[in-house]
């Protein structure tokens, strides 16, 4: 077995594959789900938004707008937007105004 895949070079730094840089947008069922996650967050809760059929740049822009609307921090991880705190109701109202079909999922 010959693992000759170059990952790092002292001349160029980290080598990225073109397949790694462009991920496919996952196809959903058209419903945006907002759930509260505390697992792995040291007891702090976040509101996770899943099911958005958007590319990475559009997700970052939407995340920025949501953080301003809720007045808290957040980030994009993969194709999920995580907003700090339990602000699911504010997020639902904002996403409804954008014309998306939204459901509150989980406890």
PDB file of N, CA and C in Angstrom:
ATOM      1  N   UNK A   1       0.840  -1.177   0.000  1.00  0.00           N
ATOM      2  CA  UNK A   1       0.000   0.000   0.000  1.00  0.00           C
ATOM      3  C   UNK A   1       0.884   1.238   0.000  1.00  0.00           C
ATOM      4  N   UNK A   2       0.627   2.092  -0.942  1.00  0.00           N
ATOM      5  CA  UNK A   2       1.419   3.306  -1.077  1.00  0.00           C
ATOM      6  C   UNK A   2       0.516   4.506  -0.843  1.00  0.00           C
ATOM      7  N   UNK A   3       0.672   5.134   0.299  1.00  0.00           N
ATOM      8  CA  UNK A   3      -0.089   6.343   0.615  1.00  0.00           C
ATOM      9  C   UNK A   3       0.761   7.549   0.255  1.00  0.00           C
ATOM     10  N   UNK A   4       0.697   7.958  -0.993  1.00  0.00           N
ATOM     11  CA  UNK A   4       1.535   9.056  -1.455  1.00  0.00           C
ATOM     12  C   UNK A   4       0.745  10.356  -1.613  1.00  0.00           C
ATOM     13  N   UNK A   5      -0.354  10.479  -0.895  1.00  0.00           N
ATOM     14  CA  UNK A   5      -1.156  11.696  -0.969  1.00  0.00           C
ATOM     15  C   UNK A   5      -0.455  12.803  -0.177  1.00  0.00           C
ATOM     16  N   UNK A   6      -0.051  13.873  -0.858  1.00  0.00           N
ATOM     17  CA  UNK A   6       0.658  14.974  -0.237  1.00  0.00           C
ATOM     18  C   UNK A   6      -0.318  15.853   0.541  1.00  0.00           C
ATOM     19  N   UNK A   7      -0.040  16.054   1.818  1.00  0.00           N
ATOM     20  CA  UNK A   7      -0.916  16.831   2.679  1.00  0.00           C
ATOM     21  C   UNK A   7      -0.281  18.170   3.030  1.00  0.00           C
ATOM     22  N   UNK A   8       1.032  18.184   3.231  1.00  0.00           N
ATOM     23  CA  UNK A   8       1.707  19.401   3.650  1.00  0.00           C
ATOM     24  C   UNK A   8       3.059  19.486   2.958  1.00  0.00           C
ATOM     25  N   UNK A   9       3.429  20.672   2.543  1.00  0.00           N
ATOM     26  CA  UNK A   9       4.719  20.897   1.926  1.00  0.00           C
ATOM     27  C   UNK A   9       5.359  22.119   2.571  1.00  0.00           C
ATOM     28  N   UNK A  10       6.655  22.056   2.824  1.00  0.00           N
ATOM     29  CA  UNK A  10       7.326  23.199   3.439  1.00  0.00           C
ATOM     30  C   UNK A  10       7.380  24.389   2.493  1.00  0.00           C
ATOM     31  N   UNK A  11       7.255  24.146   1.196  1.00  0.00           N
ATOM     32  CA  UNK A  11       7.265  25.241   0.221  1.00  0.00           C
ATOM     33  C   UNK A  11       5.925  25.962   0.153  1.00  0.00           C
ATOM     34  N   UNK A  12       4.820  25.211   0.205  1.00  0.00           N
ATOM     35  CA  UNK A  12       3.500  25.785  -0.018  1.00  0.00           C
ATOM     36  C   UNK A  12       2.603  25.804   1.218  1.00  0.00           C
ATOM     37  N   UNK A  13       2.911  25.037   2.231  1.00  0.00           N
ATOM     38  CA  UNK A  13       2.029  24.926   3.386  1.00  0.00           C
ATOM     39  C   UNK A  13       1.034  23.800   3.179  1.00  0.00           C
ATOM     40  N   UNK A  14      -0.153  23.955   3.729  1.00  0.00           N
ATOM     41  CA  UNK A  14      -1.169  22.908   3.633  1.00  0.00           C
ATOM     42  C   UNK A  14      -1.678  22.797   2.201  1.00  0.00           C
ATOM     43  N   UNK A  15      -1.746  21.579   1.715  1.00  0.00           N
ATOM     44  CA  UNK A  15      -2.222  21.289   0.371  1.00  0.00           C
ATOM     45  C   UNK A  15      -3.689  20.907   0.465  1.00  0.00           C
ATOM     46  N   UNK A  16      -4.536  21.609  -0.277  1.00  0.00           N
ATOM     47  CA  UNK A  16      -5.976  21.338  -0.242  1.00  0.00           C
ATOM     48  C   UNK A  16      -6.389  20.664  -1.540  1.00  0.00           C
ATOM     49  N   UNK A  17      -7.250  19.675  -1.410  1.00  0.00           N
ATOM     50  CA  UNK A  17      -7.842  19.033  -2.579  1.00  0.00           C
ATOM     51  C   UNK A  17      -8.988  19.874  -3.086  1.00  0.00           C
ATOM     52  N   UNK A  18      -9.207  19.903  -4.371  1.00  0.00           N
ATOM     53  CA  UNK A  18     -10.347  20.644  -4.901  1.00  0.00           C
ATOM     54  C   UNK A  18     -11.652  19.978  -4.484  1.00  0.00           C
ATOM     55  N   UNK A  19     -11.644  18.667  -4.254  1.00  0.00           N
ATOM     56  CA  UNK A  19     -12.845  17.954  -3.801  1.00  0.00           C
ATOM     57  C   UNK A  19     -13.170  18.313  -2.357  1.00  0.00           C
ATOM     58  N   UNK A  20     -12.144  18.613  -1.550  1.00  0.00           N
ATOM     59  CA  UNK A  20     -12.366  18.960  -0.146  1.00  0.00           C
ATOM     60  C   UNK A  20     -12.896  20.374   0.015  1.00  0.00           C
ATOM     61  N   UNK A  21     -12.503  21.281  -0.863  1.00  0.00           N
ATOM     62  CA  UNK A  21     -12.884  22.679  -0.686  1.00  0.00           C
ATOM     63  C   UNK A  21     -14.329  22.948  -1.082  1.00  0.00           C
ATOM     64  N   UNK A  22     -14.875  22.182  -2.030  1.00  0.00           N
ATOM     65  CA  UNK A  22     -16.245  22.410  -2.461  1.00  0.00           C
ATOM     66  C   UNK A  22     -17.104  21.241  -2.024  1.00  0.00           C
ATOM     67  N   UNK A  23     -17.890  21.466  -0.988  1.00  0.00           N
ATOM     68  CA  UNK A  23     -18.773  20.425  -0.492  1.00  0.00           C
ATOM     69  C   UNK A  23     -20.126  20.573  -1.152  1.00  0.00           C
ATOM     70  N   UNK A  24     -20.800  19.448  -1.307  1.00  0.00           N
ATOM     71  CA  UNK A  24     -22.137  19.451  -1.875  1.00  0.00           C
ATOM     72  C   UNK A  24     -23.139  19.917  -0.829  1.00  0.00           C
ATOM     73  N   UNK A  25     -24.058  20.771  -1.230  1.00  0.00           N
ATOM     74  CA  UNK A  25     -25.124  21.214  -0.345  1.00  0.00           C
ATOM     75  C   UNK A  25     -26.084  20.046  -0.148  1.00  0.00           C
ATOM     76  N   UNK A  26     -26.315  19.620   1.097  1.00  0.00           N
ATOM     77  CA  UNK A  26     -27.218  18.490   1.314  1.00  0.00           C
ATOM     78  C   UNK A  26     -28.660  18.856   0.963  1.00  0.00           C
ATOM     79  N   UNK A  27     -29.331  17.948   0.294  1.00  0.00           N
ATOM     80  CA  UNK A  27     -30.729  18.163  -0.071  1.00  0.00           C
ATOM     81  C   UNK A  27     -31.611  17.799   1.106  1.00  0.00           C
ATOM     82  N   UNK A  28     -32.490  18.692   1.477  1.00  0.00           N
ATOM     83  CA  UNK A  28     -33.407  18.448   2.576  1.00  0.00           C
ATOM     84  C   UNK A  28     -34.811  18.199   2.071  1.00  0.00           C
ATOM     85  N   UNK A  29     -35.763  18.221   2.986  1.00  0.00           N
ATOM     86  CA  UNK A  29     -37.152  18.005   2.619  1.00  0.00           C
ATOM     87  C   UNK A  29     -37.922  19.316   2.504  1.00  0.00           C
ATOM     88  N   UNK A  30     -37.204  20.447   2.539  1.00  0.00           N
ATOM     89  CA  UNK A  30     -37.844  21.746   2.390  1.00  0.00           C
ATOM     90  C   UNK A  30     -38.284  22.357   3.704  1.00  0.00           C
ATOM     91  N   UNK A  31     -38.020  21.670   4.808  1.00  0.00           N
ATOM     92  CA  UNK A  31     -38.403  22.172   6.124  1.00  0.00           C
ATOM     93  C   UNK A  31     -37.140  22.527   6.907  1.00  0.00           C
ATOM     94  N   UNK A  32     -37.103  23.731   7.427  1.00  0.00           N
ATOM     95  CA  UNK A  32     -35.989  24.180   8.251  1.00  0.00           C
ATOM     96  C   UNK A  32     -36.319  23.815   9.699  1.00  0.00           C
ATOM     97  N   UNK A  33     -35.402  23.124  10.345  1.00  0.00           N
ATOM     98  CA  UNK A  33     -35.631  22.702  11.730  1.00  0.00           C
ATOM     99  C   UNK A  33     -34.694  23.451  12.671  1.00  0.00           C
ATOM    100  N   UNK A  34     -35.281  23.950  13.767  1.00  0.00           N
ATOM    101  CA  UNK A  34     -34.513  24.659  14.791  1.00  0.00           C
ATOM    102  C   UNK A  34     -34.571  23.820  16.056  1.00  0.00           C
ATOM    103  N   UNK A  35     -33.408  23.414  16.557  1.00  0.00           N
ATOM    104  CA  UNK A  35     -33.393  22.620  17.785  1.00  0.00           C
ATOM    105  C   UNK A  35     -32.364  23.157  18.759  1.00  0.00           C
ATOM    106  N   UNK A  36     -32.547  22.798  20.006  1.00  0.00           N
ATOM    107  CA  UNK A  36     -31.650  23.225  21.071  1.00  0.00           C
ATOM    108  C   UNK A  36     -30.673  22.102  21.359  1.00  0.00           C
ATOM    109  N   UNK A  37     -29.394  22.427  21.378  1.00  0.00           N
ATOM    110  CA  UNK A  37     -28.350  21.440  21.614  1.00  0.00           C
ATOM    111  C   UNK A  37     -27.525  21.876  22.827  1.00  0.00           C
ATOM    112  N   UNK A  38     -27.316  20.952  23.780  1.00  0.00           N
ATOM    113  CA  UNK A  38     -26.441  21.226  24.912  1.00  0.00           C
ATOM    114  C   UNK A  38     -25.292  20.229  24.983  1.00  0.00           C
ATOM    115  N   UNK A  39     -25.392  19.133  24.258  1.00  0.00           N
ATOM    116  CA  UNK A  39     -24.375  18.090  24.309  1.00  0.00           C
ATOM    117  C   UNK A  39     -23.063  18.591  23.711  1.00  0.00           C
ATOM    118  N   UNK A  40     -21.982  18.461  24.456  1.00  0.00           N
ATOM    119  CA  UNK A  40     -20.679  18.896  23.994  1.00  0.00           C
ATOM    120  C   UNK A  40     -20.455  20.389  24.104  1.00  0.00           C
ATOM    121  N   UNK A  41     -21.334  21.090  24.795  1.00  0.00           N
ATOM    122  CA  UNK A  41     -21.225  22.545  24.908  1.00  0.00           C
ATOM    123  C   UNK A  41     -20.977  22.979  26.353  1.00  0.00           C
ATOM    124  N   UNK A  42     -20.573  22.047  27.206  1.00  0.00           N
ATOM    125  CA  UNK A  42     -20.290  22.314  28.621  1.00  0.00           C
ATOM    126  C   UNK A  42     -21.486  22.929  29.337  1.00  0.00           C
ATOM    127  N   UNK A  43     -22.671  22.420  29.028  1.00  0.00           N
ATOM    128  CA  UNK A  43     -23.884  22.887  29.697  1.00  0.00           C
ATOM    129  C   UNK A  43     -24.513  24.114  29.082  1.00  0.00           C
ATOM    130  N   UNK A  44     -23.792  24.783  28.217  1.00  0.00           N
ATOM    131  CA  UNK A  44     -24.340  25.969  27.543  1.00  0.00           C
ATOM    132  C   UNK A  44     -25.161  25.503  26.347  1.00  0.00           C
ATOM    133  N   UNK A  45     -26.310  26.073  26.161  1.00  0.00           N
ATOM    134  CA  UNK A  45     -27.170  25.663  25.058  1.00  0.00           C
ATOM    135  C   UNK A  45     -26.984  26.530  23.831  1.00  0.00           C
ATOM    136  N   UNK A  46     -27.157  25.927  22.668  1.00  0.00           N
ATOM    137  CA  UNK A  46     -27.162  26.664  21.412  1.00  0.00           C
ATOM    138  C   UNK A  46     -28.407  26.267  20.633  1.00  0.00           C
ATOM    139  N   UNK A  47     -28.870  27.170  19.790  1.00  0.00           N
ATOM    140  CA  UNK A  47     -29.984  26.885  18.892  1.00  0.00           C
ATOM    141  C   UNK A  47     -29.396  26.562  17.532  1.00  0.00           C
ATOM    142  N   UNK A  48     -29.628  25.336  17.066  1.00  0.00           N
ATOM    143  CA  UNK A  48     -29.065  24.880  15.796  1.00  0.00           C
ATOM    144  C   UNK A  48     -30.138  24.920  14.718  1.00  0.00           C
ATOM    145  N   UNK A  49     -29.785  25.482  13.570  1.00  0.00           N
ATOM    146  CA  UNK A  49     -30.703  25.592  12.442  1.00  0.00           C
ATOM    147  C   UNK A  49     -30.197  24.666  11.342  1.00  0.00           C
ATOM    148  N   UNK A  50     -31.023  23.678  10.976  1.00  0.00           N
ATOM    149  CA  UNK A  50     -30.645  22.694   9.962  1.00  0.00           C
ATOM    150  C   UNK A  50     -31.673  22.680   8.839  1.00  0.00           C
ATOM    151  N   UNK A  51     -31.253  22.207   7.688  1.00  0.00           N
ATOM    152  CA  UNK A  51     -32.179  22.038   6.574  1.00  0.00           C
ATOM    153  C   UNK A  51     -32.238  23.222   5.629  1.00  0.00           C
ATOM    154  N   UNK A  52     -31.288  24.128   5.725  1.00  0.00           N
ATOM    155  CA  UNK A  52     -31.251  25.269   4.806  1.00  0.00           C
ATOM    156  C   UNK A  52     -30.545  24.850   3.526  1.00  0.00           C
ATOM    157  N   UNK A  53     -31.203  24.990   2.401  1.00  0.00           N
ATOM    158  CA  UNK A  53     -30.608  24.631   1.115  1.00  0.00           C
ATOM    159  C   UNK A  53     -29.864  25.834   0.549  1.00  0.00           C
ATOM    160  N   UNK A  54     -28.707  26.146   1.170  1.00  0.00           N
ATOM    161  CA  UNK A  54     -27.914  27.303   0.758  1.00  0.00           C
ATOM    162  C   UNK A  54     -26.452  26.897   0.674  1.00  0.00           C
ATOM    163  N   UNK A  55     -25.692  27.641  -0.111  1.00  0.00           N
ATOM    164  CA  UNK A  55     -24.263  27.386  -0.164  1.00  0.00           C
ATOM    165  C   UNK A  55     -23.582  28.036   1.045  1.00  0.00           C
ATOM    166  N   UNK A  56     -22.281  27.825   1.175  1.00  0.00           N
ATOM    167  CA  UNK A  56     -21.553  28.271   2.359  1.00  0.00           C
ATOM    168  C   UNK A  56     -21.582  29.795   2.525  1.00  0.00           C
ATOM    169  N   UNK A  57     -21.452  30.528   1.439  1.00  0.00           N
ATOM    170  CA  UNK A  57     -21.425  31.996   1.523  1.00  0.00           C
ATOM    171  C   UNK A  57     -22.776  32.543   1.968  1.00  0.00           C
ATOM    172  N   UNK A  58     -23.860  31.989   1.429  1.00  0.00           N
ATOM    173  CA  UNK A  58     -25.201  32.433   1.819  1.00  0.00           C
ATOM    174  C   UNK A  58     -25.486  32.092   3.278  1.00  0.00           C
ATOM    175  N   UNK A  59     -24.981  30.939   3.742  1.00  0.00           N
ATOM    176  CA  UNK A  59     -25.163  30.569   5.149  1.00  0.00           C
ATOM    177  C   UNK A  59     -24.446  31.545   6.072  1.00  0.00           C
ATOM    178  N   UNK A  60     -23.243  31.961   5.701  1.00  0.00           N
ATOM    179  CA  UNK A  60     -22.498  32.917   6.527  1.00  0.00           C
ATOM    180  C   UNK A  60     -23.225  34.257   6.600  1.00  0.00           C
ATOM    181  N   UNK A  61     -23.779  34.705   5.476  1.00  0.00           N
ATOM    182  CA  UNK A  61     -24.522  35.963   5.470  1.00  0.00           C
ATOM    183  C   UNK A  61     -25.782  35.866   6.326  1.00  0.00           C
ATOM    184  N   UNK A  62     -26.505  34.751   6.215  1.00  0.00           N
ATOM    185  CA  UNK A  62     -27.699  34.556   7.026  1.00  0.00           C
ATOM    186  C   UNK A  62     -27.343  34.464   8.501  1.00  0.00           C
ATOM    187  N   UNK A  63     -26.249  33.789   8.817  1.00  0.00           N
ATOM    188  CA  UNK A  63     -25.806  33.683  10.211  1.00  0.00           C
ATOM    189  C   UNK A  63     -25.504  35.063  10.783  1.00  0.00           C
ATOM    190  N   UNK A  64     -24.871  35.898  10.004  1.00  0.00           N
ATOM    191  CA  UNK A  64     -24.562  37.257  10.439  1.00  0.00           C
ATOM    192  C   UNK A  64     -25.843  38.042  10.726  1.00  0.00           C
ATOM    193  N   UNK A  65     -26.833  37.922   9.851  1.00  0.00           N
ATOM    194  CA  UNK A  65     -28.109  38.612  10.055  1.00  0.00           C
ATOM    195  C   UNK A  65     -28.826  38.088  11.305  1.00  0.00           C
ATOM    196  N   UNK A  66     -28.787  36.770  11.513  1.00  0.00           N
ATOM    197  CA  UNK A  66     -29.452  36.175  12.675  1.00  0.00           C
ATOM    198  C   UNK A  66     -28.784  36.604  13.972  1.00  0.00           C
ATOM    199  N   UNK A  67     -27.456  36.690  13.979  1.00  0.00           N
ATOM    200  CA  UNK A  67     -26.743  37.121  15.183  1.00  0.00           C
ATOM    201  C   UNK A  67     -27.101  38.563  15.534  1.00  0.00           C
ATOM    202  N   UNK A  68     -27.218  39.414  14.519  1.00  0.00           N
ATOM    203  CA  UNK A  68     -27.597  40.803  14.767  1.00  0.00           C
ATOM    204  C   UNK A  68     -29.029  40.892  15.280  1.00  0.00           C
ATOM    205  N   UNK A  69     -29.915  40.075  14.703  1.00  0.00           N
ATOM    206  CA  UNK A  69     -31.324  40.086  15.108  1.00  0.00           C
ATOM    207  C   UNK A  69     -31.493  39.621  16.556  1.00  0.00           C
ATOM    208  N   UNK A  70     -30.740  38.594  16.961  1.00  0.00           N
ATOM    209  CA  UNK A  70     -30.891  38.025  18.302  1.00  0.00           C
ATOM    210  C   UNK A  70     -29.985  38.709  19.334  1.00  0.00           C
ATOM    211  N   UNK A  71     -28.979  39.413  18.880  1.00  0.00           N
ATOM    212  CA  UNK A  71     -28.078  40.082  19.809  1.00  0.00           C
ATOM    213  C   UNK A  71     -27.163  39.121  20.541  1.00  0.00           C
ATOM    214  N   UNK A  72     -26.709  38.079  19.853  1.00  0.00           N
ATOM    215  CA  UNK A  72     -25.816  37.108  20.481  1.00  0.00           C
ATOM    216  C   UNK A  72     -24.862  36.550  19.429  1.00  0.00           C
ATOM    217  N   UNK A  73     -23.952  35.712  19.868  1.00  0.00           N
ATOM    218  CA  UNK A  73     -22.952  35.141  18.975  1.00  0.00           C
ATOM    219  C   UNK A  73     -23.456  33.896  18.285  1.00  0.00           C
ATOM    220  N   UNK A  74     -22.638  33.401  17.382  1.00  0.00           N
ATOM    221  CA  UNK A  74     -22.975  32.186  16.672  1.00  0.00           C
ATOM    222  C   UNK A  74     -21.960  31.893  15.596  1.00  0.00           C
ATOM    223  N   UNK A  75     -22.140  30.757  14.920  1.00  0.00           N
ATOM    224  CA  UNK A  75     -21.217  30.373  13.860  1.00  0.00           C
ATOM    225  C   UNK A  75     -21.880  29.381  12.919  1.00  0.00           C
ATOM    226  N   UNK A  76     -21.194  29.125  11.814  1.00  0.00           N
ATOM    227  CA  UNK A  76     -21.641  28.125  10.852  1.00  0.00           C
ATOM    228  C   UNK A  76     -20.705  26.937  10.970  1.00  0.00           C
ATOM    229  N   UNK A  77     -21.258  25.756  11.209  1.00  0.00           N
ATOM    230  CA  UNK A  77     -20.470  24.527  11.285  1.00  0.00           C
ATOM    231  C   UNK A  77     -21.041  23.548  10.272  1.00  0.00           C
ATOM    232  N   UNK A  78     -20.285  23.316   9.219  1.00  0.00           N
ATOM    233  CA  UNK A  78     -20.785  22.476   8.132  1.00  0.00           C
ATOM    234  C   UNK A  78     -21.902  23.211   7.418  1.00  0.00           C
ATOM    235  N   UNK A  79     -23.092  22.631   7.394  1.00  0.00           N
ATOM    236  CA  UNK A  79     -24.262  23.290   6.817  1.00  0.00           C
ATOM    237  C   UNK A  79     -25.306  23.556   7.890  1.00  0.00           C
ATOM    238  N   UNK A  80     -24.838  23.732   9.136  1.00  0.00           N
ATOM    239  CA  UNK A  80     -25.704  24.031  10.275  1.00  0.00           C
ATOM    240  C   UNK A  80     -25.291  25.364  10.863  1.00  0.00           C
ATOM    241  N   UNK A  81     -26.280  26.210  11.159  1.00  0.00           N
ATOM    242  CA  UNK A  81     -26.007  27.479  11.826  1.00  0.00           C
ATOM    243  C   UNK A  81     -26.275  27.277  13.316  1.00  0.00           C
ATOM    244  N   UNK A  82     -25.304  27.638  14.161  1.00  0.00           N
ATOM    245  CA  UNK A  82     -25.464  27.547  15.605  1.00  0.00           C
ATOM    246  C   UNK A  82     -25.459  28.955  16.185  1.00  0.00           C
ATOM    247  N   UNK A  83     -26.547  29.299  16.881  1.00  0.00           N
ATOM    248  CA  UNK A  83     -26.686  30.602  17.532  1.00  0.00           C
ATOM    249  C   UNK A  83     -26.667  30.357  19.035  1.00  0.00           C
ATOM    250  N   UNK A  84     -25.882  31.124  19.761  1.00  0.00           N
ATOM    251  CA  UNK A  84     -25.734  30.916  21.201  1.00  0.00           C
ATOM    252  C   UNK A  84     -27.021  31.242  21.942  1.00  0.00           C
ATOM    253  N   UNK A  85     -27.337  30.394  22.917  1.00  0.00           N
ATOM    254  CA  UNK A  85     -28.512  30.609  23.758  1.00  0.00           C
ATOM    255  C   UNK A  85     -29.753  29.961  23.177  1.00  0.00           C
ATOM    256  N   UNK A  86     -30.819  29.965  23.987  1.00  0.00           N
ATOM    257  CA  UNK A  86     -32.094  29.395  23.551  1.00  0.00           C
ATOM    258  C   UNK A  86     -32.956  30.522  22.992  1.00  0.00           C
ATOM    259  N   UNK A  87     -32.746  30.834  21.723  1.00  0.00           N
ATOM    260  CA  UNK A  87     -33.476  31.922  21.056  1.00  0.00           C
ATOM    261  C   UNK A  87     -34.283  31.360  19.888  1.00  0.00           C
ATOM    262  N   UNK A  88     -34.817  30.163  20.066  1.00  0.00           N
ATOM    263  CA  UNK A  88     -35.533  29.489  18.982  1.00  0.00           C
ATOM    264  C   UNK A  88     -36.753  30.277  18.516  1.00  0.00           C
ATOM    265  N   UNK A  89     -37.462  30.916  19.443  1.00  0.00           N
ATOM    266  CA  UNK A  89     -38.660  31.660  19.070  1.00  0.00           C
ATOM    267  C   UNK A  89     -38.319  32.864  18.185  1.00  0.00           C
ATOM    268  N   UNK A  90     -37.259  33.590  18.541  1.00  0.00           N
ATOM    269  CA  UNK A  90     -36.829  34.735  17.721  1.00  0.00           C
ATOM    270  C   UNK A  90     -36.387  34.269  16.338  1.00  0.00           C
ATOM    271  N   UNK A  91     -35.676  33.148  16.298  1.00  0.00           N
ATOM    272  CA  UNK A  91     -35.201  32.620  15.024  1.00  0.00           C
ATOM    273  C   UNK A  91     -36.371  32.183  14.143  1.00  0.00           C
ATOM    274  N   UNK A  92     -37.367  31.553  14.751  1.00  0.00           N
ATOM    275  CA  UNK A  92     -38.537  31.091  13.997  1.00  0.00           C
ATOM    276  C   UNK A  92     -39.264  32.264  13.361  1.00  0.00           C
ATOM    277  N   UNK A  93     -39.471  33.340  14.125  1.00  0.00           N
ATOM    278  CA  UNK A  93     -40.162  34.524  13.597  1.00  0.00           C
ATOM    279  C   UNK A  93     -39.366  35.125  12.440  1.00  0.00           C
ATOM    280  N   UNK A  94     -38.052  35.235  12.598  1.00  0.00           N
ATOM    281  CA  UNK A  94     -37.207  35.839  11.560  1.00  0.00           C
ATOM    282  C   UNK A  94     -37.216  34.997  10.286  1.00  0.00           C
ATOM    283  N   UNK A  95     -37.088  33.677  10.432  1.00  0.00           N
ATOM    284  CA  UNK A  95     -37.051  32.805   9.261  1.00  0.00           C
ATOM    285  C   UNK A  95     -38.414  32.703   8.586  1.00  0.00           C
ATOM    286  N   UNK A  96     -39.500  32.816   9.379  1.00  0.00           N
ATOM    287  CA  UNK A  96     -40.844  32.853   8.787  1.00  0.00           C
ATOM    288  C   UNK A  96     -41.006  34.074   7.890  1.00  0.00           C
ATOM    289  N   UNK A  97     -40.452  35.207   8.323  1.00  0.00           N
ATOM    290  CA  UNK A  97     -40.534  36.429   7.522  1.00  0.00           C
ATOM    291  C   UNK A  97     -39.780  36.296   6.197  1.00  0.00           C
ATOM    292  N   UNK A  98     -38.747  35.419   6.180  1.00  0.00           N
ATOM    293  CA  UNK A  98     -38.001  35.193   4.949  1.00  0.00           C
ATOM    294  C   UNK A  98     -38.736  34.240   4.002  1.00  0.00           C
ATOM    295  N   UNK A  99     -39.844  33.688   4.460  1.00  0.00           N
ATOM    296  CA  UNK A  99     -40.650  32.811   3.616  1.00  0.00           C
ATOM    297  C   UNK A  99     -40.255  31.348   3.689  1.00  0.00           C
ATOM    298  N   UNK A 100     -39.531  30.966   4.738  1.00  0.00           N
ATOM    299  CA  UNK A 100     -39.127  29.574   4.889  1.00  0.00           C
ATOM    300  C   UNK A 100     -40.120  28.821   5.752  1.00  0.00           C
ATOM    301  N   UNK A 101     -40.280  27.531   5.504  1.00  0.00           N
ATOM    302  CA  UNK A 101     -41.155  26.687   6.318  1.00  0.00           C
ATOM    303  C   UNK A 101     -40.305  26.184   7.496  1.00  0.00           C
ATOM    304  N   UNK A 102     -40.684  26.605   8.718  1.00  0.00           N
ATOM    305  CA  UNK A 102     -39.871  26.366   9.904  1.00  0.00           C
ATOM    306  C   UNK A 102     -40.623  25.527  10.916  1.00  0.00           C
ATOM    307  N   UNK A 103     -39.910  24.592  11.540  1.00  0.00           N
ATOM    308  CA  UNK A 103     -40.458  23.786  12.631  1.00  0.00           C
ATOM    309  C   UNK A 103     -39.479  23.799  13.790  1.00  0.00           C
ATOM    310  N   UNK A 104     -40.012  23.851  15.010  1.00  0.00           N
ATOM    311  CA  UNK A 104     -39.201  23.717  16.202  1.00  0.00           C
ATOM    312  C   UNK A 104     -39.065  22.229  16.503  1.00  0.00           C
ATOM    313  N   UNK A 105     -37.852  21.738  16.580  1.00  0.00           N
ATOM    314  CA  UNK A 105     -37.612  20.310  16.798  1.00  0.00           C
ATOM    315  C   UNK A 105     -36.933  20.109  18.154  1.00  0.00           C
ATOM    316  N   UNK A 106     -37.133  18.961  18.727  1.00  0.00           N
ATOM    317  CA  UNK A 106     -36.490  18.635  19.991  1.00  0.00           C
ATOM    318  C   UNK A 106     -37.137  19.328  21.171  1.00  0.00           C
ATOM    319  N   UNK A 107     -36.488  19.207  22.318  1.00  0.00           N
ATOM    320  CA  UNK A 107     -37.040  19.761  23.562  1.00  0.00           C
ATOM    321  C   UNK A 107     -36.583  21.097  23.788  1.00  0.00           C
TER     322      UNK A 107
END
